[in-house]
Amino acid sequence: MSSNVKTSAISGCVIWLVLISFIGSCILPIFFVVGTISSFSEFAIRTTGGWLCPEGTTPQSHTYATTSRDENGFEHPATGYELQCVDASGEVVKTDPILYSFIWIGIWAGIGVIVSAVLTFILAIPGGMLVTRVLNSMRVTRSNPV
């Protein structure tokens, strides 16, 4: 294996690791936040309810008044959201207060991983070529001192 091929392979791997770390640390939190905020939407309820609700039921969003505690332990009014599976007669067959949102956030996290990987591969090729050029020019300069 020639020295140039080894340098290209090593620099490509290093560039890829640096880029996936940098891009992933920027992109993934954004997708987690988008997933968390949109988990209350009707679209999220319908999508995840299609997987979680028994056949013959319709997924619906149900909100209710609850409380939450702040960092000092004081209770404040809040709104709770849950997925309800309703049959044709209007009876609630199944209630899911949390799993649907974990699935929804997981979908968005998966999209974030895919976006991060695509951006990494797009940027790794020119980055690897640049590092290889710099390393080769340094090698030529060292072997041919002025």
N, C-alpha and C. Protein backbone atom coordinates (compact mmCIF):
# COMPACT_ATOMS: atom_id res chain seq x y z
N MET A 1 0.86 -1.17 0.00
CA MET A 1 0.00 0.00 0.00
C MET A 1 0.90 1.23 0.00
N SER A 2 0.60 2.15 -0.88
CA SER A 2 1.45 3.33 -0.98
C SER A 2 1.21 4.26 0.20
N SER A 3 2.18 5.12 0.41
CA SER A 3 2.12 6.08 1.51
C SER A 3 0.94 7.03 1.34
N ASN A 4 0.65 7.42 0.09
CA ASN A 4 -0.44 8.34 -0.19
C ASN A 4 -1.79 7.71 0.16
N VAL A 5 -1.97 6.44 -0.13
CA VAL A 5 -3.22 5.75 0.16
C VAL A 5 -3.40 5.62 1.67
N LYS A 6 -2.32 5.28 2.38
CA LYS A 6 -2.38 5.19 3.84
C LYS A 6 -2.73 6.54 4.46
N THR A 7 -2.09 7.58 3.97
CA THR A 7 -2.37 8.93 4.48
C THR A 7 -3.81 9.31 4.22
N SER A 8 -4.32 9.01 3.03
CA SER A 8 -5.70 9.33 2.69
C SER A 8 -6.67 8.57 3.58
N ALA A 9 -6.42 7.29 3.80
CA ALA A 9 -7.31 6.47 4.63
C ALA A 9 -7.32 6.96 6.07
N ILE A 10 -6.16 7.21 6.61
CA ILE A 10 -6.08 7.66 8.00
C ILE A 10 -6.70 9.04 8.15
N SER A 11 -6.38 9.97 7.25
CA SER A 11 -6.95 11.31 7.36
C SER A 11 -8.46 11.27 7.15
N GLY A 12 -8.94 10.42 6.26
CA GLY A 12 -10.39 10.29 6.05
C GLY A 12 -11.10 9.81 7.30
N CYS A 13 -10.52 8.83 7.99
CA CYS A 13 -11.11 8.32 9.24
C CYS A 13 -11.10 9.38 10.34
N VAL A 14 -10.00 10.08 10.46
CA VAL A 14 -9.90 11.13 11.48
C VAL A 14 -10.91 12.25 11.19
N ILE A 15 -10.98 12.68 9.94
CA ILE A 15 -11.93 13.73 9.56
C ILE A 15 -13.36 13.26 9.83
N TRP A 16 -13.68 12.01 9.47
CA TRP A 16 -15.02 11.50 9.68
C TRP A 16 -15.37 11.49 11.17
N LEU A 17 -14.47 11.04 12.02
CA LEU A 17 -14.73 11.01 13.46
C LEU A 17 -14.93 12.42 14.04
N VAL A 18 -14.09 13.35 13.60
CA VAL A 18 -14.23 14.73 14.08
C VAL A 18 -15.56 15.31 13.61
N LEU A 19 -15.89 15.10 12.34
CA LEU A 19 -17.12 15.66 11.80
C LEU A 19 -18.37 15.05 12.42
N ILE A 20 -18.40 13.73 12.59
CA ILE A 20 -19.60 13.10 13.17
C ILE A 20 -19.78 13.56 14.61
N SER A 21 -18.69 13.76 15.33
CA SER A 21 -18.80 14.27 16.71
C SER A 21 -19.33 15.69 16.72
N PHE A 22 -18.78 16.53 15.88
CA PHE A 22 -19.19 17.94 15.84
C PHE A 22 -20.61 18.10 15.31
N ILE A 23 -20.88 17.49 14.16
CA ILE A 23 -22.20 17.63 13.54
C ILE A 23 -23.27 16.98 14.41
N GLY A 24 -22.99 15.79 14.92
CA GLY A 24 -23.97 15.11 15.78
C GLY A 24 -24.28 15.89 17.03
N SER A 25 -23.27 16.51 17.63
CA SER A 25 -23.52 17.27 18.86
C SER A 25 -24.31 18.55 18.59
N CYS A 26 -24.34 19.00 17.36
CA CYS A 26 -25.15 20.17 17.01
C CYS A 26 -26.54 19.78 16.52
N ILE A 27 -26.62 18.77 15.68
CA ILE A 27 -27.87 18.40 15.02
C ILE A 27 -28.80 17.61 15.96
N LEU A 28 -28.28 16.63 16.68
CA LEU A 28 -29.15 15.76 17.47
C LEU A 28 -29.95 16.50 18.54
N PRO A 29 -29.37 17.43 19.29
CA PRO A 29 -30.21 18.16 20.26
C PRO A 29 -31.35 18.93 19.60
N ILE A 30 -31.12 19.45 18.41
CA ILE A 30 -32.17 20.17 17.69
C ILE A 30 -33.32 19.23 17.38
N PHE A 31 -33.01 18.03 16.90
CA PHE A 31 -34.05 17.07 16.56
C PHE A 31 -34.76 16.54 17.81
N PHE A 32 -34.05 16.40 18.93
CA PHE A 32 -34.70 16.01 20.18
C PHE A 32 -35.70 17.08 20.61
N VAL A 33 -35.33 18.33 20.51
CA VAL A 33 -36.24 19.42 20.91
C VAL A 33 -37.45 19.46 19.98
N VAL A 34 -37.22 19.34 18.68
CA VAL A 34 -38.33 19.33 17.73
C VAL A 34 -39.28 18.17 18.03
N GLY A 35 -38.71 16.99 18.30
CA GLY A 35 -39.54 15.84 18.65
C GLY A 35 -40.32 16.04 19.93
N THR A 36 -39.69 16.63 20.93
CA THR A 36 -40.36 16.87 22.20
C THR A 36 -41.49 17.88 22.05
N ILE A 37 -41.23 18.97 21.37
CA ILE A 37 -42.25 20.01 21.20
C ILE A 37 -43.41 19.52 20.33
N SER A 38 -43.10 18.78 19.28
CA SER A 38 -44.16 18.33 18.38
C SER A 38 -44.87 17.07 18.86
N SER A 39 -44.43 16.48 19.97
CA SER A 39 -45.07 15.25 20.45
C SER A 39 -46.50 15.50 20.93
N PHE A 40 -46.87 16.75 21.15
CA PHE A 40 -48.23 17.08 21.57
C PHE A 40 -49.17 17.29 20.39
N SER A 41 -48.65 17.24 19.18
CA SER A 41 -49.46 17.56 17.99
C SER A 41 -50.40 16.41 17.63
N GLU A 42 -51.45 16.77 16.91
CA GLU A 42 -52.40 15.76 16.42
C GLU A 42 -51.71 14.79 15.46
N PHE A 43 -50.78 15.31 14.67
CA PHE A 43 -50.06 14.45 13.73
C PHE A 43 -49.27 13.38 14.47
N ALA A 44 -48.60 13.76 15.55
CA ALA A 44 -47.84 12.79 16.35
C ALA A 44 -48.77 11.76 16.97
N ILE A 45 -49.91 12.20 17.47
CA ILE A 45 -50.89 11.29 18.07
C ILE A 45 -51.41 10.30 17.03
N ARG A 46 -51.78 10.81 15.85
CA ARG A 46 -52.30 9.92 14.80
C ARG A 46 -51.24 8.93 14.33
N THR A 47 -50.00 9.43 14.18
CA THR A 47 -48.93 8.56 13.67
C THR A 47 -48.60 7.44 14.65
N THR A 48 -48.31 7.80 15.89
CA THR A 48 -47.95 6.78 16.87
C THR A 48 -49.16 5.95 17.29
N GLY A 49 -50.35 6.56 17.29
CA GLY A 49 -51.56 5.82 17.63
C GLY A 49 -51.86 4.72 16.63
N GLY A 50 -51.45 4.93 15.39
CA GLY A 50 -51.62 3.88 14.37
C GLY A 50 -50.86 2.61 14.73
N TRP A 51 -49.78 2.75 15.47
CA TRP A 51 -49.00 1.58 15.90
C TRP A 51 -49.44 1.06 17.26
N LEU A 52 -49.87 1.95 18.14
CA LEU A 52 -50.15 1.56 19.52
C LEU A 52 -51.60 1.17 19.79
N CYS A 53 -52.54 1.74 19.03
CA CYS A 53 -53.95 1.46 19.29
C CYS A 53 -54.37 0.13 18.67
N PRO A 54 -55.28 -0.56 19.35
CA PRO A 54 -55.80 -1.81 18.78
C PRO A 54 -56.55 -1.54 17.48
N GLU A 55 -56.66 -2.56 16.67
CA GLU A 55 -57.36 -2.44 15.40
C GLU A 55 -58.83 -2.09 15.66
N GLY A 56 -59.37 -1.21 14.84
CA GLY A 56 -60.76 -0.80 14.99
C GLY A 56 -60.96 0.38 15.92
N THR A 57 -59.87 0.95 16.43
CA THR A 57 -59.97 2.13 17.29
C THR A 57 -59.32 3.32 16.60
N THR A 58 -59.65 4.50 17.08
CA THR A 58 -59.12 5.74 16.53
C THR A 58 -58.27 6.43 17.58
N PRO A 59 -57.03 6.80 17.24
CA PRO A 59 -56.21 7.53 18.22
C PRO A 59 -56.68 8.98 18.36
N GLN A 60 -56.77 9.44 19.60
CA GLN A 60 -57.16 10.82 19.88
C GLN A 60 -56.27 11.37 20.98
N SER A 61 -56.09 12.68 20.94
CA SER A 61 -55.34 13.37 21.98
C SER A 61 -56.30 13.74 23.11
N HIS A 62 -55.86 13.53 24.33
CA HIS A 62 -56.65 13.91 25.50
C HIS A 62 -55.77 14.78 26.39
N THR A 63 -56.28 15.94 26.77
CA THR A 63 -55.54 16.82 27.67
C THR A 63 -56.27 16.88 29.01
N TYR A 64 -55.50 17.10 30.05
CA TYR A 64 -56.08 17.21 31.38
C TYR A 64 -55.21 18.13 32.24
N ALA A 65 -55.84 18.72 33.23
CA ALA A 65 -55.12 19.62 34.14
C ALA A 65 -54.34 18.79 35.16
N THR A 66 -53.13 19.20 35.40
CA THR A 66 -52.27 18.53 36.37
C THR A 66 -51.35 19.58 36.98
N THR A 67 -50.39 19.15 37.75
CA THR A 67 -49.40 20.08 38.31
C THR A 67 -48.01 19.56 38.03
N SER A 68 -47.06 20.47 38.06
CA SER A 68 -45.64 20.10 37.95
C SER A 68 -44.88 20.86 39.02
N ARG A 69 -43.73 20.36 39.36
CA ARG A 69 -42.90 21.01 40.38
C ARG A 69 -41.73 21.72 39.71
N ASP A 70 -41.42 22.90 40.22
CA ASP A 70 -40.26 23.63 39.71
C ASP A 70 -39.01 23.20 40.46
N GLU A 71 -37.89 23.84 40.15
CA GLU A 71 -36.61 23.45 40.75
C GLU A 71 -36.56 23.68 42.26
N ASN A 72 -37.49 24.49 42.77
CA ASN A 72 -37.53 24.75 44.22
C ASN A 72 -38.56 23.88 44.94
N GLY A 73 -39.24 22.99 44.19
CA GLY A 73 -40.21 22.10 44.79
C GLY A 73 -41.63 22.65 44.87
N PHE A 74 -41.87 23.82 44.31
CA PHE A 74 -43.21 24.41 44.34
C PHE A 74 -44.04 23.87 43.17
N GLU A 75 -45.30 23.59 43.44
CA GLU A 75 -46.20 23.09 42.41
C GLU A 75 -46.79 24.24 41.59
N HIS A 76 -46.92 23.97 40.29
CA HIS A 76 -47.51 24.93 39.36
C HIS A 76 -48.50 24.20 38.47
N PRO A 77 -49.56 24.87 38.04
CA PRO A 77 -50.51 24.22 37.13
C PRO A 77 -49.83 23.85 35.81
N ALA A 78 -50.23 22.72 35.26
CA ALA A 78 -49.67 22.26 33.99
C ALA A 78 -50.76 21.52 33.22
N THR A 79 -50.49 21.23 31.98
CA THR A 79 -51.42 20.46 31.15
C THR A 79 -50.76 19.14 30.81
N GLY A 80 -51.49 18.04 31.02
CA GLY A 80 -51.00 16.72 30.67
C GLY A 80 -51.60 16.28 29.34
N TYR A 81 -50.84 15.52 28.58
CA TYR A 81 -51.28 15.03 27.28
C TYR A 81 -51.18 13.51 27.29
N GLU A 82 -52.15 12.85 26.69
CA GLU A 82 -52.07 11.41 26.55
C GLU A 82 -52.78 10.97 25.28
N LEU A 83 -52.41 9.80 24.83
CA LEU A 83 -53.02 9.18 23.67
C LEU A 83 -54.15 8.29 24.16
N GLN A 84 -55.32 8.45 23.58
CA GLN A 84 -56.44 7.57 23.90
C GLN A 84 -56.88 6.87 22.63
N CYS A 85 -57.15 5.58 22.75
CA CYS A 85 -57.66 4.79 21.64
C CYS A 85 -59.17 4.64 21.86
N VAL A 86 -59.96 5.19 20.96
CA VAL A 86 -61.41 5.25 21.10
C VAL A 86 -62.05 4.36 20.05
N ASP A 87 -63.02 3.52 20.49
CA ASP A 87 -63.70 2.65 19.53
C ASP A 87 -64.86 3.40 18.88
N ALA A 88 -65.61 2.73 18.01
CA ALA A 88 -66.68 3.36 17.23
C ALA A 88 -67.80 3.91 18.12
N SER A 89 -68.01 3.32 19.29
CA SER A 89 -69.07 3.80 20.18
C SER A 89 -68.63 4.98 21.04
N GLY A 90 -67.35 5.37 20.95
CA GLY A 90 -66.83 6.50 21.71
C GLY A 90 -66.21 6.10 23.04
N GLU A 91 -66.14 4.81 23.30
CA GLU A 91 -65.55 4.33 24.55
C GLU A 91 -64.02 4.26 24.43
N VAL A 92 -63.34 4.73 25.48
CA VAL A 92 -61.88 4.68 25.49
C VAL A 92 -61.46 3.24 25.79
N VAL A 93 -60.75 2.63 24.84
CA VAL A 93 -60.32 1.24 24.97
C VAL A 93 -58.95 1.15 25.62
N LYS A 94 -58.08 2.10 25.29
CA LYS A 94 -56.70 2.08 25.79
C LYS A 94 -56.23 3.51 25.96
N THR A 95 -55.43 3.73 27.00
CA THR A 95 -54.84 5.04 27.26
C THR A 95 -53.33 4.88 27.38
N ASP A 96 -52.61 5.75 26.72
CA ASP A 96 -51.14 5.72 26.80
C ASP A 96 -50.63 7.11 27.13
N PRO A 97 -50.17 7.33 28.36
CA PRO A 97 -49.73 8.67 28.73
C PRO A 97 -48.30 9.03 28.30
N ILE A 98 -47.44 8.04 27.97
CA ILE A 98 -46.04 8.39 27.75
C ILE A 98 -45.36 7.67 26.59
N LEU A 99 -45.71 6.42 26.33
CA LEU A 99 -44.99 5.65 25.31
C LEU A 99 -45.06 6.30 23.94
N TYR A 100 -46.23 6.85 23.60
CA TYR A 100 -46.36 7.48 22.27
C TYR A 100 -45.35 8.62 22.09
N SER A 101 -45.10 9.38 23.16
CA SER A 101 -44.16 10.51 23.03
C SER A 101 -42.73 10.01 22.91
N PHE A 102 -42.38 8.92 23.61
CA PHE A 102 -41.04 8.35 23.47
C PHE A 102 -40.81 7.83 22.04
N ILE A 103 -41.83 7.20 21.49
CA ILE A 103 -41.72 6.72 20.10
C ILE A 103 -41.56 7.90 19.15
N TRP A 104 -42.35 8.95 19.36
CA TRP A 104 -42.29 10.13 18.50
C TRP A 104 -40.92 10.81 18.58
N ILE A 105 -40.41 10.98 19.78
CA ILE A 105 -39.08 11.60 19.95
C ILE A 105 -38.01 10.70 19.35
N GLY A 106 -38.18 9.39 19.47
CA GLY A 106 -37.25 8.44 18.85
C GLY A 106 -37.23 8.54 17.34
N ILE A 107 -38.39 8.76 16.74
CA ILE A 107 -38.46 8.95 15.29
C ILE A 107 -37.65 10.18 14.90
N TRP A 108 -37.84 11.28 15.63
CA TRP A 108 -37.09 12.50 15.32
C TRP A 108 -35.60 12.33 15.58
N ALA A 109 -35.24 11.60 16.63
CA ALA A 109 -33.82 11.34 16.88
C ALA A 109 -33.21 10.52 15.74
N GLY A 110 -33.96 9.54 15.24
CA GLY A 110 -33.50 8.76 14.09
C GLY A 110 -33.29 9.60 12.86
N ILE A 111 -34.21 10.54 12.62
CA ILE A 111 -34.05 11.47 11.50
C ILE A 111 -32.79 12.31 11.70
N GLY A 112 -32.55 12.74 12.94
CA GLY A 112 -31.34 13.52 13.25
C GLY A 112 -30.07 12.73 13.00
N VAL A 113 -30.08 11.44 13.33
CA VAL A 113 -28.90 10.59 13.07
C VAL A 113 -28.66 10.48 11.56
N ILE A 114 -29.72 10.30 10.80
CA ILE A 114 -29.58 10.18 9.34
C ILE A 114 -29.05 11.48 8.75
N VAL A 115 -29.60 12.61 9.18
CA VAL A 115 -29.14 13.92 8.68
C VAL A 115 -27.67 14.13 9.05
N SER A 116 -27.29 13.78 10.28
CA SER A 116 -25.90 13.92 10.71
C SER A 116 -24.97 13.06 9.87
N ALA A 117 -25.37 11.82 9.61
CA ALA A 117 -24.53 10.92 8.81
C ALA A 117 -24.37 11.43 7.38
N VAL A 118 -25.45 11.89 6.78
CA VAL A 118 -25.38 12.40 5.41
C VAL A 118 -24.47 13.63 5.34
N LEU A 119 -24.67 14.57 6.27
CA LEU A 119 -23.82 15.75 6.27
C LEU A 119 -22.35 15.39 6.51
N THR A 120 -22.11 14.42 7.37
CA THR A 120 -20.74 14.00 7.64
C THR A 120 -20.09 13.44 6.39
N PHE A 121 -20.80 12.57 5.67
CA PHE A 121 -20.22 11.99 4.46
C PHE A 121 -20.02 13.05 3.38
N ILE A 122 -20.94 14.00 3.28
CA ILE A 122 -20.79 15.07 2.29
C ILE A 122 -19.56 15.91 2.59
N LEU A 123 -19.35 16.23 3.86
CA LEU A 123 -18.23 17.10 4.25
C LEU A 123 -16.91 16.34 4.44
N ALA A 124 -16.98 15.03 4.67
CA ALA A 124 -15.76 14.26 4.93
C ALA A 124 -14.90 14.11 3.67
N ILE A 125 -15.51 14.01 2.53
CA ILE A 125 -14.74 13.81 1.30
C ILE A 125 -13.85 15.02 1.01
N PRO A 126 -14.39 16.24 0.93
CA PRO A 126 -13.49 17.37 0.69
C PRO A 126 -12.55 17.62 1.87
N GLY A 127 -13.01 17.35 3.09
CA GLY A 127 -12.14 17.52 4.26
C GLY A 127 -10.97 16.56 4.24
N GLY A 128 -11.23 15.31 3.88
CA GLY A 128 -10.15 14.32 3.78
C GLY A 128 -9.17 14.67 2.68
N MET A 129 -9.69 15.16 1.57
CA MET A 129 -8.80 15.55 0.46
C MET A 129 -7.91 16.72 0.87
N LEU A 130 -8.48 17.67 1.61
CA LEU A 130 -7.71 18.83 2.07
C LEU A 130 -6.61 18.41 3.03
N VAL A 131 -6.93 17.55 3.98
CA VAL A 131 -5.93 17.09 4.95
C VAL A 131 -4.84 16.30 4.24
N THR A 132 -5.21 15.46 3.27
CA THR A 132 -4.22 14.70 2.52
C THR A 132 -3.28 15.63 1.77
N ARG A 133 -3.82 16.68 1.14
CA ARG A 133 -2.99 17.65 0.43
C ARG A 133 -2.01 18.35 1.37
N VAL A 134 -2.51 18.76 2.52
CA VAL A 134 -1.66 19.46 3.49
C VAL A 134 -0.56 18.53 3.98
N LEU A 135 -0.92 17.28 4.32
CA LEU A 135 0.09 16.33 4.79
C LEU A 135 1.11 16.02 3.71
N ASN A 136 0.66 15.86 2.47
CA ASN A 136 1.59 15.60 1.36
C ASN A 136 2.51 16.79 1.11
N SER A 137 1.98 18.00 1.20
CA SER A 137 2.85 19.18 0.98
C SER A 137 3.85 19.31 2.12
N MET A 138 3.46 18.93 3.33
CA MET A 138 4.42 18.96 4.44
C MET A 138 5.50 17.92 4.24
N ARG A 139 5.13 16.75 3.73
CA ARG A 139 6.10 15.68 3.48
C ARG A 139 7.07 16.09 2.39
N VAL A 140 6.60 16.73 1.32
CA VAL A 140 7.46 17.18 0.23
C VAL A 140 8.40 18.26 0.73
N THR A 141 7.90 19.18 1.56
CA THR A 141 8.72 20.27 2.08
C THR A 141 9.83 19.71 2.98
N ARG A 142 9.52 18.70 3.80
CA ARG A 142 10.53 18.12 4.68
C ARG A 142 11.60 17.33 3.91
N SER A 143 11.18 16.64 2.84
CA SER A 143 12.15 15.83 2.09
C SER A 143 12.99 16.69 1.14
N ASN A 144 12.55 17.89 0.79
CA ASN A 144 13.30 18.78 -0.08
C ASN A 144 13.52 20.12 0.63
N PRO A 145 14.42 20.18 1.60
CA PRO A 145 14.62 21.46 2.30
C PRO A 145 15.18 22.49 1.34
N VAL A 146 14.84 23.73 1.58
CA VAL A 146 15.25 24.84 0.72
C VAL A 146 16.66 25.26 0.99
